[in-house]
């Protein structure tokens, strides 16, 4: 079953390699989607993939890369008509 989720990751998540780490992790798990910084200091991600892989990515995002300090993750289901291809970085929103 394909699952779609949008994450908002808060804490010390900018300037610590979080986006590059998320791209590598998402690709390794076979996910499609994107990751971007937000002007409010959070990182936002869209995850599309099988239920197990999306769950693994959410759990991995709770830890992040070594220099990150994740304080909170908000995950919400989404239902997109047009699905992304691959896992990429988007410009800051």
C-alpha atoms as a PDB file:
ATOM      1  CA  UNK A   1       0.000   0.000   0.000  1.00  0.00           C
ATOM      2  CA  UNK A   2       1.343   3.442  -0.942  1.00  0.00           C
ATOM      3  CA  UNK A   3       1.416   6.004   1.833  1.00  0.00           C
ATOM      4  CA  UNK A   4       1.890   9.770   1.545  1.00  0.00           C
ATOM      5  CA  UNK A   5       2.930  11.952   4.485  1.00  0.00           C
ATOM      6  CA  UNK A   6       4.119  15.510   5.008  1.00  0.00           C
ATOM      7  CA  UNK A   7       6.524  16.066   7.906  1.00  0.00           C
ATOM      8  CA  UNK A   8       7.477  19.238   9.696  1.00  0.00           C
ATOM      9  CA  UNK A   9      10.675  18.669  11.649  1.00  0.00           C
ATOM     10  CA  UNK A  10      11.563  21.188  14.363  1.00  0.00           C
ATOM     11  CA  UNK A  11      14.660  21.699  16.455  1.00  0.00           C
ATOM     12  CA  UNK A  12      18.266  22.195  15.403  1.00  0.00           C
ATOM     13  CA  UNK A  13      17.702  20.924  11.873  1.00  0.00           C
ATOM     14  CA  UNK A  14      19.113  23.635   9.609  1.00  0.00           C
ATOM     15  CA  UNK A  15      22.832  24.030   8.980  1.00  0.00           C
ATOM     16  CA  UNK A  16      23.584  20.495  10.163  1.00  0.00           C
ATOM     17  CA  UNK A  17      23.263  18.522   6.911  1.00  0.00           C
ATOM     18  CA  UNK A  18      19.693  17.422   7.587  1.00  0.00           C
ATOM     19  CA  UNK A  19      18.448  17.840   4.004  1.00  0.00           C
ATOM     20  CA  UNK A  20      21.358  15.934   2.456  1.00  0.00           C
ATOM     21  CA  UNK A  21      20.942  13.198   5.054  1.00  0.00           C
ATOM     22  CA  UNK A  22      17.182  13.037   4.353  1.00  0.00           C
ATOM     23  CA  UNK A  23      17.751  12.764   0.598  1.00  0.00           C
ATOM     24  CA  UNK A  24      20.195   9.891   1.064  1.00  0.00           C
ATOM     25  CA  UNK A  25      17.954   8.122   3.551  1.00  0.00           C
ATOM     26  CA  UNK A  26      14.817   8.571   1.446  1.00  0.00           C
ATOM     27  CA  UNK A  27      16.536   7.272  -1.667  1.00  0.00           C
ATOM     28  CA  UNK A  28      17.982   4.297   0.217  1.00  0.00           C
ATOM     29  CA  UNK A  29      14.458   3.408   1.378  1.00  0.00           C
ATOM     30  CA  UNK A  30      13.099   3.734  -2.166  1.00  0.00           C
ATOM     31  CA  UNK A  31      10.884   6.711  -1.372  1.00  0.00           C
ATOM     32  CA  UNK A  32       9.764   9.512  -3.650  1.00  0.00           C
ATOM     33  CA  UNK A  33       9.311  13.026  -2.343  1.00  0.00           C
ATOM     34  CA  UNK A  34      11.235  16.099  -1.356  1.00  0.00           C
ATOM     35  CA  UNK A  35      12.814  17.961   1.519  1.00  0.00           C
ATOM     36  CA  UNK A  36      13.279  21.704   2.059  1.00  0.00           C
ATOM     37  CA  UNK A  37      14.158  24.269   4.681  1.00  0.00           C
ATOM     38  CA  UNK A  38      11.449  26.601   5.903  1.00  0.00           C
ATOM     39  CA  UNK A  39      12.004  30.210   6.815  1.00  0.00           C
ATOM     40  CA  UNK A  40      10.740  29.513  10.350  1.00  0.00           C
ATOM     41  CA  UNK A  41      13.776  27.258  10.999  1.00  0.00           C
ATOM     42  CA  UNK A  42      12.008  23.930  10.466  1.00  0.00           C
ATOM     43  CA  UNK A  43      12.603  21.345   7.755  1.00  0.00           C
ATOM     44  CA  UNK A  44       9.634  20.086   5.747  1.00  0.00           C
ATOM     45  CA  UNK A  45       9.498  16.794   3.867  1.00  0.00           C
ATOM     46  CA  UNK A  46       7.053  14.954   1.659  1.00  0.00           C
ATOM     47  CA  UNK A  47       7.319  11.164   1.727  1.00  0.00           C
ATOM     48  CA  UNK A  48       5.677   8.837  -0.781  1.00  0.00           C
ATOM     49  CA  UNK A  49       6.235   5.102  -0.726  1.00  0.00           C
ATOM     50  CA  UNK A  50       5.203   1.818   0.763  1.00  0.00           C
ATOM     51  CA  UNK A  51       3.901   1.881   4.309  1.00  0.00           C
ATOM     52  CA  UNK A  52       6.950   0.195   5.862  1.00  0.00           C
ATOM     53  CA  UNK A  53       9.461   2.505   4.154  1.00  0.00           C
ATOM     54  CA  UNK A  54       7.526   5.658   5.083  1.00  0.00           C
ATOM     55  CA  UNK A  55       7.363   4.462   8.692  1.00  0.00           C
ATOM     56  CA  UNK A  56      11.112   3.769   8.714  1.00  0.00           C
ATOM     57  CA  UNK A  57      11.799   7.238   7.296  1.00  0.00           C
ATOM     58  CA  UNK A  58       9.640   8.936   9.923  1.00  0.00           C
ATOM     59  CA  UNK A  59      11.497   7.077  12.679  1.00  0.00           C
ATOM     60  CA  UNK A  60      14.859   7.954  11.110  1.00  0.00           C
ATOM     61  CA  UNK A  61      13.798  11.625  10.899  1.00  0.00           C
ATOM     62  CA  UNK A  62      13.226  11.612  14.663  1.00  0.00           C
ATOM     63  CA  UNK A  63      16.989  11.109  15.042  1.00  0.00           C
ATOM     64  CA  UNK A  64      18.341  12.839  11.925  1.00  0.00           C
ATOM     65  CA  UNK A  65      22.052  13.222  11.171  1.00  0.00           C
ATOM     66  CA  UNK A  66      24.628  13.344  13.994  1.00  0.00           C
ATOM     67  CA  UNK A  67      24.682  17.163  14.452  1.00  0.00           C
ATOM     68  CA  UNK A  68      20.882  17.558  14.438  1.00  0.00           C
ATOM     69  CA  UNK A  69      18.720  17.827  17.535  1.00  0.00           C
ATOM     70  CA  UNK A  70      15.156  16.975  16.607  1.00  0.00           C
ATOM     71  CA  UNK A  71      12.695  18.350  19.157  1.00  0.00           C
ATOM     72  CA  UNK A  72       9.396  17.644  17.422  1.00  0.00           C
ATOM     73  CA  UNK A  73       7.971  16.044  14.287  1.00  0.00           C
ATOM     74  CA  UNK A  74       4.487  16.762  13.026  1.00  0.00           C
ATOM     75  CA  UNK A  75       3.367  14.124  10.506  1.00  0.00           C
ATOM     76  CA  UNK A  76       0.167  14.457   8.550  1.00  0.00           C
ATOM     77  CA  UNK A  77      -1.249  12.252   5.810  1.00  0.00           C
ATOM     78  CA  UNK A  78      -1.698  13.830   2.385  1.00  0.00           C
ATOM     79  CA  UNK A  79      -3.433  12.648  -0.767  1.00  0.00           C
ATOM     80  CA  UNK A  80      -1.710  14.062  -3.834  1.00  0.00           C
ATOM     81  CA  UNK A  81      -2.975  13.509  -7.350  1.00  0.00           C
ATOM     82  CA  UNK A  82       0.450  14.060  -8.924  1.00  0.00           C
ATOM     83  CA  UNK A  83       3.220  12.103  -7.225  1.00  0.00           C
ATOM     84  CA  UNK A  84       6.868  13.204  -7.269  1.00  0.00           C
ATOM     85  CA  UNK A  85       9.498  11.193  -9.088  1.00  0.00           C
ATOM     86  CA  UNK A  86      12.625  10.448  -7.050  1.00  0.00           C
ATOM     87  CA  UNK A  87      13.650  12.167  -3.837  1.00  0.00           C
ATOM     88  CA  UNK A  88      14.943  15.736  -4.163  1.00  0.00           C
ATOM     89  CA  UNK A  89      15.689  19.042  -2.484  1.00  0.00           C
ATOM     90  CA  UNK A  90      13.305  21.946  -3.025  1.00  0.00           C
ATOM     91  CA  UNK A  91      14.058  25.645  -2.471  1.00  0.00           C
ATOM     92  CA  UNK A  92      13.362  27.177   0.942  1.00  0.00           C
ATOM     93  CA  UNK A  93       9.705  27.995   1.519  1.00  0.00           C
END
